Amino acid sequence: MSTYTEFAQKVQNEFLNSLKAAQELNVKSFAAFNELLAQVPTAKVDPATTELPTPTDMVEQTFAFTNQLLETRKAYAVKLAELATQTQQQFAQTAARIAESAKN
């Protein structure tokens, strides 16, 4: 494995670990806020608010779309990378032919 690849993986792992820690702190804070709200006296609930999707449903729908978007972008990036590889190979072959013909 190259030094660059090892470095990139280390940075990515450190970023993901930091992100997970920050998210866990955020979840704990939100849970504490929910506990505090549970102590507030309840009021009449507007029926229109019960017809809205739940926050969990919204997250699921958003991430489903985001996953589709990422897959589309990945397919596009892979196609571009494949074309770049072909172009690079063709350029090297053309340069070799030109260098060979210049010798003659």
PDB file of N, CA and C in Angstrom:
ATOM      1  N   MET A   1       0.851  -1.174   0.000  1.00  0.00           N
ATOM      2  CA  MET A   1       0.000   0.000   0.000  1.00  0.00           C
ATOM      3  C   MET A   1       0.898   1.237   0.000  1.00  0.00           C
ATOM      4  N   SER A   2       0.532   2.206  -0.778  1.00  0.00           N
ATOM      5  CA  SER A   2       1.361   3.404  -0.887  1.00  0.00           C
ATOM      6  C   SER A   2       1.239   4.275   0.353  1.00  0.00           C
ATOM      7  N   THR A   3       2.214   5.126   0.531  1.00  0.00           N
ATOM      8  CA  THR A   3       2.206   6.053   1.657  1.00  0.00           C
ATOM      9  C   THR A   3       0.998   6.976   1.577  1.00  0.00           C
ATOM     10  N   TYR A   4       0.672   7.435   0.360  1.00  0.00           N
ATOM     11  CA  TYR A   4      -0.490   8.306   0.182  1.00  0.00           C
ATOM     12  C   TYR A   4      -1.762   7.599   0.624  1.00  0.00           C
ATOM     13  N   THR A   5      -1.934   6.355   0.204  1.00  0.00           N
ATOM     14  CA  THR A   5      -3.141   5.601   0.538  1.00  0.00           C
ATOM     15  C   THR A   5      -3.240   5.393   2.046  1.00  0.00           C
ATOM     16  N   GLU A   6      -2.120   5.049   2.670  1.00  0.00           N
ATOM     17  CA  GLU A   6      -2.122   4.870   4.121  1.00  0.00           C
ATOM     18  C   GLU A   6      -2.482   6.175   4.826  1.00  0.00           C
ATOM     19  N   PHE A   7      -1.893   7.281   4.359  1.00  0.00           N
ATOM     20  CA  PHE A   7      -2.183   8.587   4.950  1.00  0.00           C
ATOM     21  C   PHE A   7      -3.662   8.936   4.778  1.00  0.00           C
ATOM     22  N   ALA A   8      -4.188   8.737   3.571  1.00  0.00           N
ATOM     23  CA  ALA A   8      -5.591   9.062   3.303  1.00  0.00           C
ATOM     24  C   ALA A   8      -6.517   8.232   4.184  1.00  0.00           C
ATOM     25  N   GLN A   9      -6.223   6.947   4.329  1.00  0.00           N
ATOM     26  CA  GLN A   9      -7.061   6.093   5.168  1.00  0.00           C
ATOM     27  C   GLN A   9      -6.990   6.523   6.626  1.00  0.00           C
ATOM     28  N   LYS A  10      -5.797   6.906   7.087  1.00  0.00           N
ATOM     29  CA  LYS A  10      -5.643   7.355   8.481  1.00  0.00           C
ATOM     30  C   LYS A  10      -6.453   8.625   8.711  1.00  0.00           C
ATOM     31  N   VAL A  11      -6.371   9.576   7.783  1.00  0.00           N
ATOM     32  CA  VAL A  11      -7.120  10.827   7.916  1.00  0.00           C
ATOM     33  C   VAL A  11      -8.620  10.551   7.892  1.00  0.00           C
ATOM     34  N   GLN A  12      -9.045   9.679   6.979  1.00  0.00           N
ATOM     35  CA  GLN A  12     -10.469   9.352   6.890  1.00  0.00           C
ATOM     36  C   GLN A  12     -10.959   8.686   8.175  1.00  0.00           C
ATOM     37  N   ASN A  13     -10.174   7.754   8.714  1.00  0.00           N
ATOM     38  CA  ASN A  13     -10.569   7.079   9.956  1.00  0.00           C
ATOM     39  C   ASN A  13     -10.646   8.062  11.114  1.00  0.00           C
ATOM     40  N   GLU A  14      -9.661   8.953  11.212  1.00  0.00           N
ATOM     41  CA  GLU A  14      -9.677   9.948  12.288  1.00  0.00           C
ATOM     42  C   GLU A  14     -10.881  10.880  12.141  1.00  0.00           C
ATOM     43  N   PHE A  15     -11.182  11.279  10.908  1.00  0.00           N
ATOM     44  CA  PHE A  15     -12.345  12.140  10.676  1.00  0.00           C
ATOM     45  C   PHE A  15     -13.631  11.433  11.082  1.00  0.00           C
ATOM     46  N   LEU A  16     -13.778  10.168  10.643  1.00  0.00           N
ATOM     47  CA  LEU A  16     -15.004   9.429  10.965  1.00  0.00           C
ATOM     48  C   LEU A  16     -15.134   9.206  12.474  1.00  0.00           C
ATOM     49  N   ASN A  17     -14.040   8.907  13.145  1.00  0.00           N
ATOM     50  CA  ASN A  17     -14.094   8.723  14.599  1.00  0.00           C
ATOM     51  C   ASN A  17     -14.486  10.022  15.295  1.00  0.00           C
ATOM     52  N   SER A  18     -13.931  11.143  14.844  1.00  0.00           N
ATOM     53  CA  SER A  18     -14.298  12.443  15.423  1.00  0.00           C
ATOM     54  C   SER A  18     -15.760  12.766  15.150  1.00  0.00           C
ATOM     55  N   LEU A  19     -16.207  12.484  13.942  1.00  0.00           N
ATOM     56  CA  LEU A  19     -17.607  12.729  13.581  1.00  0.00           C
ATOM     57  C   LEU A  19     -18.542  11.891  14.451  1.00  0.00           C
ATOM     58  N   LYS A  20     -18.197  10.614  14.629  1.00  0.00           N
ATOM     59  CA  LYS A  20     -19.029   9.741  15.470  1.00  0.00           C
ATOM     60  C   LYS A  20     -19.087  10.255  16.902  1.00  0.00           C
ATOM     61  N   ALA A  21     -17.954  10.700  17.433  1.00  0.00           N
ATOM     62  CA  ALA A  21     -17.922  11.223  18.811  1.00  0.00           C
ATOM     63  C   ALA A  21     -18.786  12.475  18.922  1.00  0.00           C
ATOM     64  N   ALA A  22     -18.681  13.370  17.949  1.00  0.00           N
ATOM     65  CA  ALA A  22     -19.484  14.595  17.971  1.00  0.00           C
ATOM     66  C   ALA A  22     -20.969  14.265  17.844  1.00  0.00           C
ATOM     67  N   GLN A  23     -21.295  13.313  16.993  1.00  0.00           N
ATOM     68  CA  GLN A  23     -22.693  12.930  16.834  1.00  0.00           C
ATOM     69  C   GLN A  23     -23.238  12.310  18.116  1.00  0.00           C
ATOM     70  N   GLU A  24     -22.425  11.511  18.789  1.00  0.00           N
ATOM     71  CA  GLU A  24     -22.869  10.885  20.041  1.00  0.00           C
ATOM     72  C   GLU A  24     -23.135  11.952  21.105  1.00  0.00           C
ATOM     73  N   LEU A  25     -22.272  12.952  21.175  1.00  0.00           N
ATOM     74  CA  LEU A  25     -22.506  14.055  22.115  1.00  0.00           C
ATOM     75  C   LEU A  25     -23.791  14.802  21.763  1.00  0.00           C
ATOM     76  N   ASN A  26     -24.030  14.999  20.480  1.00  0.00           N
ATOM     77  CA  ASN A  26     -25.237  15.682  20.034  1.00  0.00           C
ATOM     78  C   ASN A  26     -26.480  14.871  20.407  1.00  0.00           C
ATOM     79  N   VAL A  27     -26.425  13.559  20.206  1.00  0.00           N
ATOM     80  CA  VAL A  27     -27.558  12.697  20.555  1.00  0.00           C
ATOM     81  C   VAL A  27     -27.825  12.746  22.058  1.00  0.00           C
ATOM     82  N   LYS A  28     -26.760  12.702  22.861  1.00  0.00           N
ATOM     83  CA  LYS A  28     -26.928  12.775  24.311  1.00  0.00           C
ATOM     84  C   LYS A  28     -27.541  14.109  24.725  1.00  0.00           C
ATOM     85  N   SER A  29     -27.111  15.191  24.098  1.00  0.00           N
ATOM     86  CA  SER A  29     -27.673  16.513  24.401  1.00  0.00           C
ATOM     87  C   SER A  29     -29.151  16.565  24.025  1.00  0.00           C
ATOM     88  N   PHE A  30     -29.478  16.021  22.878  1.00  0.00           N
ATOM     89  CA  PHE A  30     -30.868  16.014  22.431  1.00  0.00           C
ATOM     90  C   PHE A  30     -31.731  15.163  23.365  1.00  0.00           C
ATOM     91  N   ALA A  31     -31.187  14.032  23.809  1.00  0.00           N
ATOM     92  CA  ALA A  31     -31.925  13.172  24.744  1.00  0.00           C
ATOM     93  C   ALA A  31     -32.170  13.908  26.058  1.00  0.00           C
ATOM     94  N   ALA A  32     -31.171  14.627  26.533  1.00  0.00           N
ATOM     95  CA  ALA A  32     -31.338  15.404  27.769  1.00  0.00           C
ATOM     96  C   ALA A  32     -32.393  16.489  27.577  1.00  0.00           C
ATOM     97  N   PHE A  33     -32.405  17.120  26.404  1.00  0.00           N
ATOM     98  CA  PHE A  33     -33.413  18.143  26.106  1.00  0.00           C
ATOM     99  C   PHE A  33     -34.805  17.512  26.084  1.00  0.00           C
ATOM    100  N   ASN A  34     -34.923  16.316  25.507  1.00  0.00           N
ATOM    101  CA  ASN A  34     -36.217  15.621  25.485  1.00  0.00           C
ATOM    102  C   ASN A  34     -36.700  15.310  26.892  1.00  0.00           C
ATOM    103  N   GLU A  35     -35.776  14.921  27.767  1.00  0.00           N
ATOM    104  CA  GLU A  35     -36.148  14.653  29.165  1.00  0.00           C
ATOM    105  C   GLU A  35     -36.665  15.920  29.834  1.00  0.00           C
ATOM    106  N   LEU A  36     -36.017  17.036  29.523  1.00  0.00           N
ATOM    107  CA  LEU A  36     -36.451  18.318  30.077  1.00  0.00           C
ATOM    108  C   LEU A  36     -37.848  18.674  29.553  1.00  0.00           C
ATOM    109  N   LEU A  37     -38.082  18.455  28.260  1.00  0.00           N
ATOM    110  CA  LEU A  37     -39.392  18.755  27.676  1.00  0.00           C
ATOM    111  C   LEU A  37     -40.491  17.869  28.253  1.00  0.00           C
ATOM    112  N   ALA A  38     -40.130  16.662  28.645  1.00  0.00           N
ATOM    113  CA  ALA A  38     -41.124  15.758  29.213  1.00  0.00           C
ATOM    114  C   ALA A  38     -41.687  16.303  30.520  1.00  0.00           C
ATOM    115  N   GLN A  39     -40.960  17.201  31.145  1.00  0.00           N
ATOM    116  CA  GLN A  39     -41.406  17.778  32.414  1.00  0.00           C
ATOM    117  C   GLN A  39     -42.342  18.967  32.212  1.00  0.00           C
ATOM    118  N   VAL A  40     -42.451  19.462  30.977  1.00  0.00           N
ATOM    119  CA  VAL A  40     -43.318  20.610  30.681  1.00  0.00           C
ATOM    120  C   VAL A  40     -44.757  20.113  30.595  1.00  0.00           C
ATOM    121  N   PRO A  41     -45.704  20.822  31.186  1.00  0.00           N
ATOM    122  CA  PRO A  41     -47.113  20.410  31.099  1.00  0.00           C
ATOM    123  C   PRO A  41     -47.562  20.337  29.637  1.00  0.00           C
ATOM    124  N   THR A  42     -48.404  19.369  29.343  1.00  0.00           N
ATOM    125  CA  THR A  42     -48.867  19.182  27.971  1.00  0.00           C
ATOM    126  C   THR A  42     -50.015  20.135  27.650  1.00  0.00           C
ATOM    127  N   ALA A  43     -50.186  20.339  26.359  1.00  0.00           N
ATOM    128  CA  ALA A  43     -51.261  21.197  25.872  1.00  0.00           C
ATOM    129  C   ALA A  43     -52.026  20.437  24.795  1.00  0.00           C
ATOM    130  N   LYS A  44     -53.085  21.056  24.316  1.00  0.00           N
ATOM    131  CA  LYS A  44     -53.887  20.442  23.261  1.00  0.00           C
ATOM    132  C   LYS A  44     -53.029  20.324  21.993  1.00  0.00           C
ATOM    133  N   VAL A  45     -53.092  19.152  21.350  1.00  0.00           N
ATOM    134  CA  VAL A  45     -52.295  18.886  20.149  1.00  0.00           C
ATOM    135  C   VAL A  45     -53.133  19.199  18.924  1.00  0.00           C
ATOM    136  N   ASP A  46     -52.560  19.968  18.012  1.00  0.00           N
ATOM    137  CA  ASP A  46     -53.221  20.292  16.749  1.00  0.00           C
ATOM    138  C   ASP A  46     -53.218  19.042  15.866  1.00  0.00           C
ATOM    139  N   PRO A  47     -54.395  18.605  15.377  1.00  0.00           N
ATOM    140  CA  PRO A  47     -54.453  17.389  14.551  1.00  0.00           C
ATOM    141  C   PRO A  47     -53.588  17.472  13.294  1.00  0.00           C
ATOM    142  N   ALA A  48     -53.358  18.663  12.791  1.00  0.00           N
ATOM    143  CA  ALA A  48     -52.545  18.803  11.573  1.00  0.00           C
ATOM    144  C   ALA A  48     -51.110  18.346  11.811  1.00  0.00           C
ATOM    145  N   THR A  49     -50.615  18.490  13.026  1.00  0.00           N
ATOM    146  CA  THR A  49     -49.231  18.099  13.303  1.00  0.00           C
ATOM    147  C   THR A  49     -49.055  16.589  13.340  1.00  0.00           C
ATOM    148  N   THR A  50     -50.114  15.856  13.583  1.00  0.00           N
ATOM    149  CA  THR A  50     -50.007  14.394  13.604  1.00  0.00           C
ATOM    150  C   THR A  50     -50.009  13.814  12.202  1.00  0.00           C
ATOM    151  N   GLU A  51     -50.345  14.608  11.189  1.00  0.00           N
ATOM    152  CA  GLU A  51     -50.358  14.143   9.801  1.00  0.00           C
ATOM    153  C   GLU A  51     -48.995  14.304   9.127  1.00  0.00           C
ATOM    154  N   LEU A  52     -48.100  14.997   9.777  1.00  0.00           N
ATOM    155  CA  LEU A  52     -46.769  15.191   9.214  1.00  0.00           C
ATOM    156  C   LEU A  52     -45.948  13.910   9.356  1.00  0.00           C
ATOM    157  N   PRO A  53     -44.991  13.713   8.443  1.00  0.00           N
ATOM    158  CA  PRO A  53     -44.113  12.543   8.620  1.00  0.00           C
ATOM    159  C   PRO A  53     -43.290  12.704   9.898  1.00  0.00           C
ATOM    160  N   THR A  54     -42.931  11.584  10.473  1.00  0.00           N
ATOM    161  CA  THR A  54     -42.117  11.642  11.688  1.00  0.00           C
ATOM    162  C   THR A  54     -40.693  12.065  11.304  1.00  0.00           C
ATOM    163  N   PRO A  55     -39.947  12.586  12.249  1.00  0.00           N
ATOM    164  CA  PRO A  55     -38.544  12.921  11.955  1.00  0.00           C
ATOM    165  C   PRO A  55     -37.763  11.711  11.432  1.00  0.00           C
ATOM    166  N   THR A  56     -38.051  10.528  11.975  1.00  0.00           N
ATOM    167  CA  THR A  56     -37.373   9.317  11.496  1.00  0.00           C
ATOM    168  C   THR A  56     -37.714   9.049  10.037  1.00  0.00           C
ATOM    169  N   ASP A  57     -38.996   9.207   9.677  1.00  0.00           N
ATOM    170  CA  ASP A  57     -39.394   9.029   8.274  1.00  0.00           C
ATOM    171  C   ASP A  57     -38.679  10.027   7.372  1.00  0.00           C
ATOM    172  N   MET A  58     -38.567  11.261   7.831  1.00  0.00           N
ATOM    173  CA  MET A  58     -37.888  12.303   7.040  1.00  0.00           C
ATOM    174  C   MET A  58     -36.418  11.938   6.830  1.00  0.00           C
ATOM    175  N   VAL A  59     -35.768  11.460   7.884  1.00  0.00           N
ATOM    176  CA  VAL A  59     -34.358  11.066   7.774  1.00  0.00           C
ATOM    177  C   VAL A  59     -34.224   9.911   6.789  1.00  0.00           C
ATOM    178  N   GLU A  60     -35.075   8.906   6.914  1.00  0.00           N
ATOM    179  CA  GLU A  60     -35.020   7.748   6.014  1.00  0.00           C
ATOM    180  C   GLU A  60     -35.219   8.169   4.558  1.00  0.00           C
ATOM    181  N   GLN A  61     -36.201   9.034   4.303  1.00  0.00           N
ATOM    182  CA  GLN A  61     -36.455   9.501   2.943  1.00  0.00           C
ATOM    183  C   GLN A  61     -35.288  10.316   2.409  1.00  0.00           C
ATOM    184  N   THR A  62     -34.735  11.170   3.253  1.00  0.00           N
ATOM    185  CA  THR A  62     -33.618  12.008   2.835  1.00  0.00           C
ATOM    186  C   THR A  62     -32.393  11.174   2.517  1.00  0.00           C
ATOM    187  N   PHE A  63     -32.087  10.206   3.367  1.00  0.00           N
ATOM    188  CA  PHE A  63     -30.916   9.377   3.115  1.00  0.00           C
ATOM    189  C   PHE A  63     -31.124   8.432   1.937  1.00  0.00           C
ATOM    190  N   ALA A  64     -32.354   7.983   1.705  1.00  0.00           N
ATOM    191  CA  ALA A  64     -32.623   7.164   0.521  1.00  0.00           C
ATOM    192  C   ALA A  64     -32.307   7.972  -0.743  1.00  0.00           C
ATOM    193  N   PHE A  65     -32.752   9.222  -0.762  1.00  0.00           N
ATOM    194  CA  PHE A  65     -32.458  10.086  -1.909  1.00  0.00           C
ATOM    195  C   PHE A  65     -30.959  10.349  -2.011  1.00  0.00           C
ATOM    196  N   THR A  66     -30.323  10.636  -0.864  1.00  0.00           N
ATOM    197  CA  THR A  66     -28.889  10.920  -0.859  1.00  0.00           C
ATOM    198  C   THR A  66     -28.098   9.720  -1.361  1.00  0.00           C
ATOM    199  N   ASN A  67     -28.493   8.512  -0.960  1.00  0.00           N
ATOM    200  CA  ASN A  67     -27.811   7.308  -1.446  1.00  0.00           C
ATOM    201  C   ASN A  67     -27.958   7.161  -2.953  1.00  0.00           C
ATOM    202  N   GLN A  68     -29.142   7.446  -3.468  1.00  0.00           N
ATOM    203  CA  GLN A  68     -29.345   7.391  -4.920  1.00  0.00           C
ATOM    204  C   GLN A  68     -28.471   8.425  -5.618  1.00  0.00           C
ATOM    205  N   LEU A  69     -28.414   9.605  -5.034  1.00  0.00           N
ATOM    206  CA  LEU A  69     -27.596  10.673  -5.602  1.00  0.00           C
ATOM    207  C   LEU A  69     -26.119  10.279  -5.598  1.00  0.00           C
ATOM    208  N   LEU A  70     -25.634   9.727  -4.481  1.00  0.00           N
ATOM    209  CA  LEU A  70     -24.235   9.301  -4.404  1.00  0.00           C
ATOM    210  C   LEU A  70     -23.923   8.185  -5.397  1.00  0.00           C
ATOM    211  N   GLU A  71     -24.828   7.236  -5.543  1.00  0.00           N
ATOM    212  CA  GLU A  71     -24.613   6.154  -6.507  1.00  0.00           C
ATOM    213  C   GLU A  71     -24.541   6.703  -7.936  1.00  0.00           C
ATOM    214  N   THR A  72     -25.401   7.672  -8.240  1.00  0.00           N
ATOM    215  CA  THR A  72     -25.382   8.300  -9.564  1.00  0.00           C
ATOM    216  C   THR A  72     -24.070   9.032  -9.785  1.00  0.00           C
ATOM    217  N   ARG A  73     -23.633   9.793  -8.779  1.00  0.00           N
ATOM    218  CA  ARG A  73     -22.369  10.539  -8.882  1.00  0.00           C
ATOM    219  C   ARG A  73     -21.179   9.586  -8.986  1.00  0.00           C
ATOM    220  N   LYS A  74     -21.238   8.478  -8.229  1.00  0.00           N
ATOM    221  CA  LYS A  74     -20.155   7.489  -8.280  1.00  0.00           C
ATOM    222  C   LYS A  74     -20.060   6.876  -9.672  1.00  0.00           C
ATOM    223  N   ALA A  75     -21.195   6.494 -10.240  1.00  0.00           N
ATOM    224  CA  ALA A  75     -21.196   5.905 -11.580  1.00  0.00           C
ATOM    225  C   ALA A  75     -20.607   6.888 -12.594  1.00  0.00           C
ATOM    226  N   TYR A  76     -20.962   8.149 -12.472  1.00  0.00           N
ATOM    227  CA  TYR A  76     -20.436   9.189 -13.351  1.00  0.00           C
ATOM    228  C   TYR A  76     -18.921   9.339 -13.172  1.00  0.00           C
ATOM    229  N   ALA A  77     -18.476   9.390 -11.919  1.00  0.00           N
ATOM    230  CA  ALA A  77     -17.046   9.554 -11.639  1.00  0.00           C
ATOM    231  C   ALA A  77     -16.245   8.355 -12.129  1.00  0.00           C
ATOM    232  N   VAL A  78     -16.787   7.149 -11.968  1.00  0.00           N
ATOM    233  CA  VAL A  78     -16.105   5.946 -12.445  1.00  0.00           C
ATOM    234  C   VAL A  78     -15.982   5.982 -13.970  1.00  0.00           C
ATOM    235  N   LYS A  79     -17.042   6.383 -14.661  1.00  0.00           N
ATOM    236  CA  LYS A  79     -16.985   6.485 -16.126  1.00  0.00           C
ATOM    237  C   LYS A  79     -15.934   7.496 -16.553  1.00  0.00           C
ATOM    238  N   LEU A  80     -15.893   8.645 -15.871  1.00  0.00           N
ATOM    239  CA  LEU A  80     -14.873   9.650 -16.195  1.00  0.00           C
ATOM    240  C   LEU A  80     -13.472   9.117 -15.934  1.00  0.00           C
ATOM    241  N   ALA A  81     -13.294   8.405 -14.825  1.00  0.00           N
ATOM    242  CA  ALA A  81     -11.983   7.836 -14.499  1.00  0.00           C
ATOM    243  C   ALA A  81     -11.570   6.801 -15.538  1.00  0.00           C
ATOM    244  N   GLU A  82     -12.521   5.977 -15.980  1.00  0.00           N
ATOM    245  CA  GLU A  82     -12.213   4.988 -17.019  1.00  0.00           C
ATOM    246  C   GLU A  82     -11.815   5.675 -18.317  1.00  0.00           C
ATOM    247  N   LEU A  83     -12.541   6.738 -18.677  1.00  0.00           N
ATOM    248  CA  LEU A  83     -12.180   7.487 -19.888  1.00  0.00           C
ATOM    249  C   LEU A  83     -10.815   8.147 -19.737  1.00  0.00           C
ATOM    250  N   ALA A  84     -10.525   8.677 -18.564  1.00  0.00           N
ATOM    251  CA  ALA A  84      -9.222   9.304 -18.330  1.00  0.00           C
ATOM    252  C   ALA A  84      -8.104   8.277 -18.446  1.00  0.00           C
ATOM    253  N   THR A  85      -8.354   7.074 -17.940  1.00  0.00           N
ATOM    254  CA  THR A  85      -7.362   6.000 -18.046  1.00  0.00           C
ATOM    255  C   THR A  85      -7.127   5.636 -19.509  1.00  0.00           C
ATOM    256  N   GLN A  86      -8.196   5.509 -20.278  1.00  0.00           N
ATOM    257  CA  GLN A  86      -8.065   5.205 -21.706  1.00  0.00           C
ATOM    258  C   GLN A  86      -7.299   6.309 -22.427  1.00  0.00           C
ATOM    259  N   THR A  87      -7.639   7.547 -22.105  1.00  0.00           N
ATOM    260  CA  THR A  87      -6.976   8.691 -22.730  1.00  0.00           C
ATOM    261  C   THR A  87      -5.494   8.698 -22.392  1.00  0.00           C
ATOM    262  N   GLN A  88      -5.183   8.419 -21.140  1.00  0.00           N
ATOM    263  CA  GLN A  88      -3.792   8.376 -20.698  1.00  0.00           C
ATOM    264  C   GLN A  88      -3.030   7.283 -21.451  1.00  0.00           C
ATOM    265  N   GLN A  89      -3.631   6.113 -21.601  1.00  0.00           N
ATOM    266  CA  GLN A  89      -2.991   5.015 -22.326  1.00  0.00           C
ATOM    267  C   GLN A  89      -2.803   5.371 -23.803  1.00  0.00           C
ATOM    268  N   GLN A  90      -3.837   5.962 -24.397  1.00  0.00           N
ATOM    269  CA  GLN A  90      -3.740   6.354 -25.807  1.00  0.00           C
ATOM    270  C   GLN A  90      -2.667   7.416 -26.002  1.00  0.00           C
ATOM    271  N   PHE A  91      -2.587   8.349 -25.069  1.00  0.00           N
ATOM    272  CA  PHE A  91      -1.569   9.396 -25.157  1.00  0.00           C
ATOM    273  C   PHE A  91      -0.172   8.790 -25.080  1.00  0.00           C
ATOM    274  N   ALA A  92       0.019   7.844 -24.157  1.00  0.00           N
ATOM    275  CA  ALA A  92       1.327   7.196 -24.009  1.00  0.00           C
ATOM    276  C   ALA A  92       1.688   6.421 -25.279  1.00  0.00           C
ATOM    277  N   GLN A  93       0.705   5.717 -25.854  1.00  0.00           N
ATOM    278  CA  GLN A  93       0.958   4.968 -27.088  1.00  0.00           C
ATOM    279  C   GLN A  93       1.283   5.911 -28.243  1.00  0.00           C
ATOM    280  N   THR A  94       0.545   7.021 -28.327  1.00  0.00           N
ATOM    281  CA  THR A  94       0.798   8.001 -29.387  1.00  0.00           C
ATOM    282  C   THR A  94       2.175   8.628 -29.222  1.00  0.00           C
ATOM    283  N   ALA A  95       2.525   8.966 -28.002  1.00  0.00           N
ATOM    284  CA  ALA A  95       3.843   9.546 -27.739  1.00  0.00           C
ATOM    285  C   ALA A  95       4.942   8.556 -28.095  1.00  0.00           C
ATOM    286  N   ALA A  96       4.736   7.280 -27.799  1.00  0.00           N
ATOM    287  CA  ALA A  96       5.726   6.272 -28.142  1.00  0.00           C
ATOM    288  C   ALA A  96       5.871   6.142 -29.651  1.00  0.00           C
ATOM    289  N   ARG A  97       4.746   6.178 -30.384  1.00  0.00           N
ATOM    290  CA  ARG A  97       4.791   6.094 -31.862  1.00  0.00           C
ATOM    291  C   ARG A  97       5.515   7.303 -32.439  1.00  0.00           C
ATOM    292  N   ILE A  98       5.223   8.480 -31.908  1.00  0.00           N
ATOM    293  CA  ILE A  98       5.893   9.695 -32.401  1.00  0.00           C
ATOM    294  C   ILE A  98       7.382   9.647 -32.123  1.00  0.00           C
ATOM    295  N   ALA A  99       7.739   9.207 -30.933  1.00  0.00           N
ATOM    296  CA  ALA A  99       9.163   9.098 -30.588  1.00  0.00           C
ATOM    297  C   ALA A  99       9.849   8.078 -31.480  1.00  0.00           C
ATOM    298  N   GLU A 100       9.174   6.984 -31.780  1.00  0.00           N
ATOM    299  CA  GLU A 100       9.749   5.948 -32.656  1.00  0.00           C
ATOM    300  C   GLU A 100       9.907   6.474 -34.065  1.00  0.00           C
ATOM    301  N   SER A 101       8.896   7.189 -34.557  1.00  0.00           N
ATOM    302  CA  SER A 101       8.990   7.708 -35.931  1.00  0.00           C
ATOM    303  C   SER A 101      10.031   8.810 -36.039  1.00  0.00           C
ATOM    304  N   ALA A 102      10.262   9.530 -34.950  1.00  0.00           N
ATOM    305  CA  ALA A 102      11.286  10.598 -34.967  1.00  0.00           C
ATOM    306  C   ALA A 102      12.683  10.007 -35.063  1.00  0.00           C
ATOM    307  N   LYS A 103      12.861   8.768 -34.595  1.00  0.00           N
ATOM    308  CA  LYS A 103      14.160   8.105 -34.673  1.00  0.00           C
ATOM    309  C   LYS A 103      14.497   7.768 -36.120  1.00  0.00           C
ATOM    310  N   ASN A 104      13.484   7.513 -36.920  1.00  0.00           N
ATOM    311  CA  ASN A 104      13.710   7.081 -38.308  1.00  0.00           C
ATOM    312  C   ASN A 104      13.919   8.229 -39.214  1.00  0.00           C
TER     313      ASN A 104
END
